[in-house]
Amino acid sequence: MAITMYDISVLPFRQVLAGVAGFLEKGRNHCIEAGIDLDTVVTSRLAPDMFPFRFQIAAVAHHSLGALRGIEAGVFGPPTVPELDYAGLQALIAEAQAGLVAATPEAVNGLEGRDVEFRLGKSRIPFVAEHFILSFSLPNLHFHATTAYDLLRQQGVPLGKRDYLAQLRIKN
């Protein structure tokens, strides 16, 4: 069986976003029950030189659905981070999930071999679509999802690895 662009992008993106959506909901419920201000969570950081929770969640959406849009456009850059509250961040993840559900295998597989350039200031990094997904987008997606997970754990949210992994694609 050949592995396709859809297999290496949309399927793992959807799995990670399902995990993020799930642990965001657990985090919201825990914070409400524990009297933790959700605005404090949104601005929390693991270290002073790291971006806050809000950025981590925006980056998850950006490195999933946004990555596909970047390949389509031929250019990808850092995420813009809207000033969203916790519910807005949950809606951002839901929007990315919906966009990924709507992505068809034919459309995504048609992106194979396309050039995409990552731009940050004056820096330019050229990629081919599949290498962009495998060596840039997926690692960034996991980094930011893990950081968001860790920030919720830091608030005492009872999360485990299964919350992060979400639904595995097991043999039927």
N, C-alpha and C. Protein backbone atom coordinates (compact mmCIF):
# COMPACT_ATOMS: atom_id res chain seq x y z
N MET A 1 0.83 -1.18 0.00
CA MET A 1 0.00 0.00 0.00
C MET A 1 0.88 1.25 0.00
N ALA A 2 0.61 2.14 -0.90
CA ALA A 2 1.35 3.40 -0.96
C ALA A 2 0.76 4.38 0.06
N ILE A 3 1.63 5.19 0.60
CA ILE A 3 1.21 6.23 1.52
C ILE A 3 1.02 7.51 0.70
N THR A 4 -0.09 8.21 0.92
CA THR A 4 -0.42 9.39 0.14
C THR A 4 -0.23 10.66 0.95
N MET A 5 -0.30 11.81 0.28
CA MET A 5 -0.26 13.10 0.96
C MET A 5 -1.38 13.20 1.99
N TYR A 6 -2.55 12.70 1.63
CA TYR A 6 -3.69 12.73 2.55
C TYR A 6 -3.35 11.92 3.81
N ASP A 7 -2.73 10.76 3.62
CA ASP A 7 -2.36 9.89 4.74
C ASP A 7 -1.37 10.55 5.69
N ILE A 8 -0.40 11.31 5.13
CA ILE A 8 0.64 11.89 5.98
C ILE A 8 0.26 13.25 6.54
N SER A 9 -0.84 13.81 6.08
CA SER A 9 -1.22 15.13 6.55
C SER A 9 -2.59 15.11 7.24
N VAL A 10 -3.63 14.95 6.48
CA VAL A 10 -4.98 15.09 7.04
C VAL A 10 -5.25 14.10 8.15
N LEU A 11 -4.89 12.85 7.97
CA LEU A 11 -5.20 11.85 9.00
C LEU A 11 -4.48 12.14 10.33
N PRO A 12 -3.16 12.39 10.33
CA PRO A 12 -2.55 12.73 11.62
C PRO A 12 -2.99 14.09 12.14
N PHE A 13 -3.25 15.05 11.26
CA PHE A 13 -3.74 16.35 11.72
C PHE A 13 -5.06 16.17 12.47
N ARG A 14 -5.96 15.39 11.90
CA ARG A 14 -7.26 15.18 12.53
C ARG A 14 -7.11 14.48 13.88
N GLN A 15 -6.20 13.53 13.98
CA GLN A 15 -6.00 12.83 15.24
C GLN A 15 -5.49 13.79 16.31
N VAL A 16 -4.50 14.60 15.97
CA VAL A 16 -3.94 15.54 16.95
C VAL A 16 -5.00 16.56 17.34
N LEU A 17 -5.73 17.10 16.39
CA LEU A 17 -6.76 18.08 16.71
C LEU A 17 -7.87 17.49 17.56
N ALA A 18 -8.20 16.23 17.35
CA ALA A 18 -9.19 15.57 18.22
C ALA A 18 -8.67 15.50 19.65
N GLY A 19 -7.41 15.17 19.81
CA GLY A 19 -6.81 15.15 21.15
C GLY A 19 -6.83 16.53 21.78
N VAL A 20 -6.44 17.54 21.01
CA VAL A 20 -6.41 18.90 21.53
C VAL A 20 -7.83 19.36 21.92
N ALA A 21 -8.80 19.09 21.06
CA ALA A 21 -10.19 19.47 21.37
C ALA A 21 -10.64 18.79 22.67
N GLY A 22 -10.29 17.52 22.82
CA GLY A 22 -10.67 16.79 24.02
C GLY A 22 -10.00 17.33 25.27
N PHE A 23 -8.70 17.60 25.20
CA PHE A 23 -8.06 18.09 26.43
C PHE A 23 -8.39 19.55 26.71
N LEU A 24 -8.76 20.30 25.67
CA LEU A 24 -9.26 21.66 25.94
C LEU A 24 -10.57 21.61 26.71
N GLU A 25 -11.45 20.69 26.33
CA GLU A 25 -12.72 20.57 27.03
C GLU A 25 -12.50 20.10 28.47
N LYS A 26 -11.63 19.12 28.66
CA LYS A 26 -11.31 18.67 30.02
C LYS A 26 -10.71 19.81 30.83
N GLY A 27 -9.86 20.60 30.18
CA GLY A 27 -9.24 21.73 30.85
C GLY A 27 -10.26 22.78 31.27
N ARG A 28 -11.20 23.08 30.39
CA ARG A 28 -12.25 24.05 30.70
C ARG A 28 -13.06 23.57 31.90
N ASN A 29 -13.48 22.32 31.85
CA ASN A 29 -14.30 21.78 32.95
C ASN A 29 -13.53 21.80 34.27
N HIS A 30 -12.27 21.39 34.24
CA HIS A 30 -11.46 21.37 35.46
C HIS A 30 -11.30 22.79 36.02
N CYS A 31 -10.98 23.72 35.17
CA CYS A 31 -10.75 25.09 35.63
C CYS A 31 -12.02 25.69 36.23
N ILE A 32 -13.15 25.45 35.61
CA ILE A 32 -14.41 25.96 36.15
C ILE A 32 -14.66 25.34 37.53
N GLU A 33 -14.50 24.01 37.64
CA GLU A 33 -14.73 23.33 38.92
C GLU A 33 -13.74 23.76 40.00
N ALA A 34 -12.49 24.04 39.60
CA ALA A 34 -11.45 24.40 40.57
C ALA A 34 -11.38 25.91 40.82
N GLY A 35 -12.21 26.68 40.13
CA GLY A 35 -12.18 28.12 40.31
C GLY A 35 -10.97 28.80 39.69
N ILE A 36 -10.40 28.20 38.68
CA ILE A 36 -9.24 28.77 37.99
C ILE A 36 -9.76 29.65 36.85
N ASP A 37 -9.30 30.87 36.80
CA ASP A 37 -9.71 31.82 35.78
C ASP A 37 -9.19 31.37 34.41
N LEU A 38 -10.09 31.17 33.47
CA LEU A 38 -9.69 30.73 32.13
C LEU A 38 -8.85 31.76 31.40
N ASP A 39 -9.03 33.04 31.72
CA ASP A 39 -8.19 34.08 31.11
C ASP A 39 -6.74 33.93 31.56
N THR A 40 -6.54 33.46 32.78
CA THR A 40 -5.19 33.20 33.28
C THR A 40 -4.55 32.05 32.51
N VAL A 41 -5.35 31.02 32.21
CA VAL A 41 -4.84 29.88 31.43
C VAL A 41 -4.42 30.34 30.04
N VAL A 42 -5.24 31.16 29.41
CA VAL A 42 -4.98 31.62 28.04
C VAL A 42 -3.66 32.38 27.94
N THR A 43 -3.29 33.06 28.99
CA THR A 43 -2.05 33.84 28.96
C THR A 43 -0.87 33.14 29.66
N SER A 44 -1.09 31.92 30.15
CA SER A 44 -0.03 31.22 30.88
C SER A 44 1.09 30.78 29.95
N ARG A 45 2.28 30.66 30.52
CA ARG A 45 3.49 30.25 29.80
C ARG A 45 4.25 29.23 30.64
N LEU A 46 4.99 28.37 29.97
CA LEU A 46 5.86 27.44 30.70
C LEU A 46 7.12 28.14 31.19
N ALA A 47 7.58 29.11 30.42
CA ALA A 47 8.79 29.87 30.76
C ALA A 47 8.61 31.28 30.20
N PRO A 48 9.29 32.26 30.80
CA PRO A 48 9.11 33.65 30.35
C PRO A 48 9.41 33.88 28.86
N ASP A 49 10.32 33.10 28.31
CA ASP A 49 10.69 33.32 26.90
C ASP A 49 9.88 32.46 25.93
N MET A 50 8.84 31.80 26.42
CA MET A 50 7.98 30.99 25.54
C MET A 50 6.67 31.71 25.29
N PHE A 51 6.07 31.40 24.15
CA PHE A 51 4.77 31.98 23.83
C PHE A 51 3.70 31.41 24.75
N PRO A 52 2.61 32.17 24.98
CA PRO A 52 1.56 31.72 25.89
C PRO A 52 0.66 30.65 25.27
N PHE A 53 -0.19 30.12 26.13
CA PHE A 53 -1.16 29.09 25.75
C PHE A 53 -1.94 29.50 24.50
N ARG A 54 -2.39 30.73 24.43
CA ARG A 54 -3.14 31.22 23.27
C ARG A 54 -2.37 30.96 21.98
N PHE A 55 -1.08 31.26 21.98
CA PHE A 55 -0.25 31.04 20.80
C PHE A 55 -0.16 29.54 20.48
N GLN A 56 0.00 28.72 21.50
CA GLN A 56 0.15 27.28 21.27
C GLN A 56 -1.07 26.71 20.54
N ILE A 57 -2.25 27.13 20.96
CA ILE A 57 -3.47 26.63 20.33
C ILE A 57 -3.61 27.18 18.91
N ALA A 58 -3.31 28.46 18.73
CA ALA A 58 -3.36 29.03 17.37
C ALA A 58 -2.36 28.32 16.46
N ALA A 59 -1.20 27.97 16.98
CA ALA A 59 -0.19 27.28 16.18
C ALA A 59 -0.64 25.87 15.81
N VAL A 60 -1.41 25.22 16.67
CA VAL A 60 -1.95 23.89 16.33
C VAL A 60 -2.86 24.00 15.10
N ALA A 61 -3.75 24.97 15.10
CA ALA A 61 -4.62 25.17 13.94
C ALA A 61 -3.79 25.55 12.71
N HIS A 62 -2.79 26.39 12.91
CA HIS A 62 -1.96 26.87 11.81
C HIS A 62 -1.12 25.76 11.18
N HIS A 63 -0.59 24.87 11.99
CA HIS A 63 0.27 23.80 11.47
C HIS A 63 -0.52 22.57 11.03
N SER A 64 -1.83 22.67 10.98
CA SER A 64 -2.66 21.58 10.46
C SER A 64 -3.40 22.09 9.23
N LEU A 65 -4.59 22.59 9.39
CA LEU A 65 -5.33 23.13 8.25
C LEU A 65 -4.54 24.25 7.56
N GLY A 66 -3.91 25.09 8.35
CA GLY A 66 -3.10 26.18 7.78
C GLY A 66 -1.95 25.68 6.94
N ALA A 67 -1.39 24.54 7.28
CA ALA A 67 -0.30 23.97 6.48
C ALA A 67 -0.79 23.59 5.09
N LEU A 68 -1.97 22.99 5.03
CA LEU A 68 -2.53 22.64 3.71
C LEU A 68 -2.80 23.89 2.89
N ARG A 69 -3.33 24.91 3.53
CA ARG A 69 -3.58 26.17 2.82
C ARG A 69 -2.28 26.80 2.36
N GLY A 70 -1.23 26.68 3.17
CA GLY A 70 0.08 27.19 2.78
C GLY A 70 0.64 26.47 1.57
N ILE A 71 0.47 25.16 1.53
CA ILE A 71 0.93 24.40 0.36
C ILE A 71 0.16 24.84 -0.88
N GLU A 72 -1.14 25.01 -0.73
CA GLU A 72 -1.96 25.47 -1.87
C GLU A 72 -1.47 26.82 -2.38
N ALA A 73 -1.12 27.72 -1.46
CA ALA A 73 -0.67 29.07 -1.83
C ALA A 73 0.80 29.11 -2.24
N GLY A 74 1.56 28.08 -1.85
CA GLY A 74 2.98 28.04 -2.15
C GLY A 74 3.84 28.79 -1.15
N VAL A 75 3.22 29.31 -0.10
CA VAL A 75 3.96 30.06 0.92
C VAL A 75 3.31 29.85 2.28
N PHE A 76 4.16 29.77 3.30
CA PHE A 76 3.71 29.54 4.67
C PHE A 76 4.57 30.38 5.59
N GLY A 77 3.95 31.00 6.58
CA GLY A 77 4.69 31.79 7.55
C GLY A 77 4.18 31.51 8.94
N PRO A 78 4.72 32.22 9.93
CA PRO A 78 4.27 32.03 11.30
C PRO A 78 2.79 32.37 11.45
N PRO A 79 2.15 31.82 12.46
CA PRO A 79 0.73 32.11 12.64
C PRO A 79 0.49 33.54 13.13
N THR A 80 -0.65 34.06 12.74
CA THR A 80 -1.13 35.28 13.39
C THR A 80 -1.99 34.79 14.55
N VAL A 81 -1.86 35.44 15.66
CA VAL A 81 -2.54 34.96 16.86
C VAL A 81 -3.60 35.98 17.29
N PRO A 82 -4.85 35.64 17.05
CA PRO A 82 -5.93 36.54 17.46
C PRO A 82 -6.07 36.55 18.98
N GLU A 83 -6.58 37.63 19.51
CA GLU A 83 -6.79 37.78 20.95
C GLU A 83 -8.06 37.03 21.35
N LEU A 84 -8.01 35.73 21.34
CA LEU A 84 -9.17 34.90 21.66
C LEU A 84 -9.17 34.51 23.13
N ASP A 85 -10.35 34.36 23.68
CA ASP A 85 -10.48 33.80 25.01
C ASP A 85 -10.50 32.27 24.88
N TYR A 86 -10.66 31.58 25.99
CA TYR A 86 -10.60 30.12 25.98
C TYR A 86 -11.64 29.52 25.03
N ALA A 87 -12.87 30.01 25.09
CA ALA A 87 -13.92 29.50 24.20
C ALA A 87 -13.57 29.79 22.75
N GLY A 88 -12.98 30.94 22.49
CA GLY A 88 -12.56 31.26 21.12
C GLY A 88 -11.48 30.33 20.62
N LEU A 89 -10.58 29.92 21.50
CA LEU A 89 -9.54 28.96 21.12
C LEU A 89 -10.17 27.60 20.81
N GLN A 90 -11.16 27.20 21.61
CA GLN A 90 -11.86 25.95 21.32
C GLN A 90 -12.55 26.04 19.95
N ALA A 91 -13.15 27.18 19.65
CA ALA A 91 -13.80 27.37 18.36
C ALA A 91 -12.79 27.34 17.21
N LEU A 92 -11.60 27.88 17.43
CA LEU A 92 -10.54 27.86 16.42
C LEU A 92 -10.14 26.42 16.08
N ILE A 93 -10.02 25.58 17.10
CA ILE A 93 -9.70 24.17 16.87
C ILE A 93 -10.86 23.48 16.16
N ALA A 94 -12.08 23.76 16.55
CA ALA A 94 -13.25 23.16 15.89
C ALA A 94 -13.31 23.57 14.41
N GLU A 95 -12.97 24.80 14.12
CA GLU A 95 -12.96 25.28 12.73
C GLU A 95 -11.89 24.54 11.92
N ALA A 96 -10.71 24.36 12.50
CA ALA A 96 -9.65 23.61 11.81
C ALA A 96 -10.08 22.16 11.59
N GLN A 97 -10.73 21.57 12.59
CA GLN A 97 -11.22 20.20 12.43
C GLN A 97 -12.22 20.12 11.28
N ALA A 98 -13.14 21.05 11.22
CA ALA A 98 -14.14 21.05 10.15
C ALA A 98 -13.48 21.20 8.78
N GLY A 99 -12.48 22.06 8.70
CA GLY A 99 -11.76 22.22 7.43
C GLY A 99 -11.05 20.96 7.01
N LEU A 100 -10.51 20.23 7.96
CA LEU A 100 -9.82 18.98 7.64
C LEU A 100 -10.81 17.88 7.25
N VAL A 101 -11.97 17.85 7.87
CA VAL A 101 -13.00 16.89 7.49
C VAL A 101 -13.45 17.15 6.05
N ALA A 102 -13.49 18.41 5.67
CA ALA A 102 -13.93 18.78 4.33
C ALA A 102 -12.86 18.53 3.27
N ALA A 103 -11.61 18.38 3.67
CA ALA A 103 -10.52 18.16 2.72
C ALA A 103 -10.65 16.77 2.10
N THR A 104 -10.70 16.72 0.80
CA THR A 104 -10.85 15.42 0.13
C THR A 104 -9.49 14.81 -0.18
N PRO A 105 -9.42 13.49 -0.20
CA PRO A 105 -8.16 12.85 -0.58
C PRO A 105 -7.67 13.31 -1.96
N GLU A 106 -8.58 13.48 -2.89
CA GLU A 106 -8.17 13.89 -4.25
C GLU A 106 -7.51 15.26 -4.23
N ALA A 107 -8.11 16.20 -3.52
CA ALA A 107 -7.55 17.55 -3.47
C ALA A 107 -6.20 17.56 -2.76
N VAL A 108 -6.11 16.88 -1.63
CA VAL A 108 -4.86 16.88 -0.86
C VAL A 108 -3.78 16.10 -1.61
N ASN A 109 -4.11 14.97 -2.18
CA ASN A 109 -3.12 14.21 -2.93
C ASN A 109 -2.62 14.98 -4.14
N GLY A 110 -3.43 15.88 -4.66
CA GLY A 110 -3.02 16.72 -5.78
C GLY A 110 -1.96 17.74 -5.40
N LEU A 111 -1.68 17.91 -4.12
CA LEU A 111 -0.65 18.85 -3.67
C LEU A 111 0.75 18.23 -3.68
N GLU A 112 0.83 16.94 -3.87
CA GLU A 112 2.12 16.25 -3.84
C GLU A 112 3.09 16.88 -4.84
N GLY A 113 4.30 17.09 -4.38
CA GLY A 113 5.36 17.61 -5.24
C GLY A 113 5.35 19.11 -5.44
N ARG A 114 4.37 19.79 -4.88
CA ARG A 114 4.30 21.24 -5.04
C ARG A 114 5.36 21.93 -4.19
N ASP A 115 5.84 23.05 -4.68
CA ASP A 115 6.79 23.86 -3.94
C ASP A 115 6.04 24.69 -2.90
N VAL A 116 6.62 24.78 -1.72
CA VAL A 116 6.10 25.66 -0.67
C VAL A 116 7.31 26.28 0.02
N GLU A 117 7.22 27.56 0.29
CA GLU A 117 8.32 28.29 0.91
C GLU A 117 7.89 28.80 2.27
N PHE A 118 8.70 28.49 3.28
CA PHE A 118 8.46 29.05 4.61
C PHE A 118 9.17 30.39 4.67
N ARG A 119 8.43 31.42 5.07
CA ARG A 119 8.97 32.77 5.16
C ARG A 119 8.86 33.29 6.58
N LEU A 120 9.99 33.75 7.07
CA LEU A 120 10.05 34.38 8.40
C LEU A 120 10.97 35.58 8.25
N GLY A 121 10.40 36.77 8.23
CA GLY A 121 11.20 37.96 7.99
C GLY A 121 11.85 37.86 6.62
N LYS A 122 13.17 38.02 6.60
CA LYS A 122 13.90 37.92 5.32
C LYS A 122 14.32 36.49 5.01
N SER A 123 14.14 35.58 5.96
CA SER A 123 14.52 34.18 5.75
C SER A 123 13.52 33.47 4.86
N ARG A 124 14.03 32.61 4.01
CA ARG A 124 13.21 31.80 3.11
C ARG A 124 13.73 30.36 3.16
N ILE A 125 12.83 29.42 3.40
CA ILE A 125 13.22 28.01 3.42
C ILE A 125 12.34 27.29 2.40
N PRO A 126 12.94 26.77 1.33
CA PRO A 126 12.15 26.09 0.30
C PRO A 126 11.90 24.62 0.67
N PHE A 127 10.69 24.16 0.39
CA PHE A 127 10.30 22.77 0.63
C PHE A 127 9.54 22.24 -0.58
N VAL A 128 9.48 20.94 -0.66
CA VAL A 128 8.50 20.24 -1.47
C VAL A 128 7.39 19.86 -0.49
N ALA A 129 6.15 19.86 -0.93
CA ALA A 129 5.00 19.71 -0.04
C ALA A 129 5.13 18.57 0.96
N GLU A 130 5.47 17.38 0.49
CA GLU A 130 5.53 16.25 1.40
C GLU A 130 6.64 16.39 2.44
N HIS A 131 7.76 17.00 2.07
CA HIS A 131 8.84 17.22 3.04
C HIS A 131 8.46 18.33 4.02
N PHE A 132 7.72 19.31 3.54
CA PHE A 132 7.20 20.36 4.42
C PHE A 132 6.32 19.75 5.51
N ILE A 133 5.42 18.86 5.11
CA ILE A 133 4.53 18.20 6.08
C ILE A 133 5.34 17.38 7.08
N LEU A 134 6.19 16.50 6.55
CA LEU A 134 6.89 15.54 7.41
C LEU A 134 7.99 16.14 8.28
N SER A 135 8.72 17.14 7.76
CA SER A 135 9.86 17.64 8.52
C SER A 135 9.61 18.98 9.18
N PHE A 136 8.51 19.64 8.86
CA PHE A 136 8.26 20.96 9.44
C PHE A 136 6.89 21.03 10.13
N SER A 137 5.85 20.78 9.39
CA SER A 137 4.51 20.98 9.91
C SER A 137 4.15 19.99 11.02
N LEU A 138 4.33 18.70 10.77
CA LEU A 138 3.99 17.72 11.81
C LEU A 138 4.81 17.89 13.09
N PRO A 139 6.15 18.08 13.00
CA PRO A 139 6.89 18.32 14.25
C PRO A 139 6.41 19.57 14.99
N ASN A 140 6.13 20.64 14.26
CA ASN A 140 5.62 21.85 14.90
C ASN A 140 4.24 21.62 15.51
N LEU A 141 3.40 20.90 14.81
CA LEU A 141 2.06 20.58 15.33
C LEU A 141 2.18 19.86 16.67
N HIS A 142 3.01 18.84 16.73
CA HIS A 142 3.17 18.09 17.98
C HIS A 142 3.81 18.94 19.07
N PHE A 143 4.77 19.75 18.71
CA PHE A 143 5.41 20.63 19.70
C PHE A 143 4.38 21.53 20.37
N HIS A 144 3.57 22.21 19.57
CA HIS A 144 2.61 23.17 20.12
C HIS A 144 1.46 22.46 20.84
N ALA A 145 1.02 21.32 20.33
CA ALA A 145 -0.03 20.56 21.02
C ALA A 145 0.49 20.07 22.38
N THR A 146 1.71 19.59 22.40
CA THR A 146 2.31 19.12 23.66
C THR A 146 2.49 20.26 24.64
N THR A 147 2.91 21.41 24.16
CA THR A 147 3.09 22.56 25.05
C THR A 147 1.76 22.99 25.65
N ALA A 148 0.70 23.01 24.83
CA ALA A 148 -0.63 23.35 25.36
C ALA A 148 -1.07 22.32 26.40
N TYR A 149 -0.84 21.04 26.10
CA TYR A 149 -1.15 19.96 27.04
C TYR A 149 -0.42 20.20 28.36
N ASP A 150 0.88 20.51 28.26
CA ASP A 150 1.69 20.71 29.46
C ASP A 150 1.22 21.92 30.27
N LEU A 151 0.79 22.97 29.58
CA LEU A 151 0.27 24.14 30.30
C LEU A 151 -1.00 23.80 31.07
N LEU A 152 -1.84 22.96 30.50
CA LEU A 152 -3.03 22.53 31.22
C LEU A 152 -2.66 21.62 32.39
N ARG A 153 -1.69 20.74 32.19
CA ARG A 153 -1.22 19.90 33.30
C ARG A 153 -0.68 20.77 34.43
N GLN A 154 0.01 21.84 34.07
CA GLN A 154 0.56 22.77 35.06
C GLN A 154 -0.57 23.40 35.90
N GLN A 155 -1.76 23.50 35.33
CA GLN A 155 -2.92 24.03 36.05
C GLN A 155 -3.63 22.96 36.86
N GLY A 156 -3.11 21.73 36.83
CA GLY A 156 -3.70 20.64 37.59
C GLY A 156 -4.75 19.84 36.84
N VAL A 157 -4.90 20.08 35.55
CA VAL A 157 -5.90 19.34 34.77
C VAL A 157 -5.46 17.88 34.71
N PRO A 158 -6.33 16.95 35.09
CA PRO A 158 -5.97 15.52 35.12
C PRO A 158 -5.99 14.91 33.72
N LEU A 159 -4.90 15.09 33.00
CA LEU A 159 -4.76 14.56 31.65
C LEU A 159 -3.75 13.43 31.63
N GLY A 160 -3.91 12.54 30.70
CA GLY A 160 -2.96 11.46 30.49
C GLY A 160 -2.62 11.34 29.01
N LYS A 161 -1.74 10.42 28.71
CA LYS A 161 -1.30 10.24 27.33
C LYS A 161 -2.47 9.93 26.39
N ARG A 162 -3.43 9.17 26.86
CA ARG A 162 -4.59 8.83 26.01
C ARG A 162 -5.37 10.07 25.62
N ASP A 163 -5.39 11.08 26.47
CA ASP A 163 -6.04 12.34 26.12
C ASP A 163 -5.34 13.00 24.93
N TYR A 164 -4.03 12.93 24.92
CA TYR A 164 -3.25 13.51 23.83
C TYR A 164 -3.41 12.70 22.55
N LEU A 165 -3.32 11.38 22.67
CA LEU A 165 -3.34 10.52 21.48
C LEU A 165 -4.69 10.48 20.78
N ALA A 166 -5.77 10.68 21.51
CA ALA A 166 -7.13 10.62 20.96
C ALA A 166 -7.39 9.25 20.32
N GLN A 167 -8.18 9.23 19.28
CA GLN A 167 -8.59 7.97 18.64
C GLN A 167 -7.48 7.44 17.72
N LEU A 168 -6.98 6.28 18.06
CA LEU A 168 -5.97 5.64 17.22
C LEU A 168 -6.64 5.01 15.99
N ARG A 169 -5.88 4.93 14.92
CA ARG A 169 -6.40 4.28 13.71
C ARG A 169 -5.95 2.82 13.75
N ILE A 170 -6.73 2.00 14.42
CA ILE A 170 -6.38 0.61 14.62
C ILE A 170 -6.94 -0.27 13.51
N LYS A 171 -6.37 -1.43 13.39
CA LYS A 171 -6.84 -2.40 12.40
C LYS A 171 -8.24 -2.87 12.79
N ASN A 172 -9.11 -2.87 11.81
CA ASN A 172 -10.50 -3.33 12.06
C ASN A 172 -10.61 -4.82 11.93
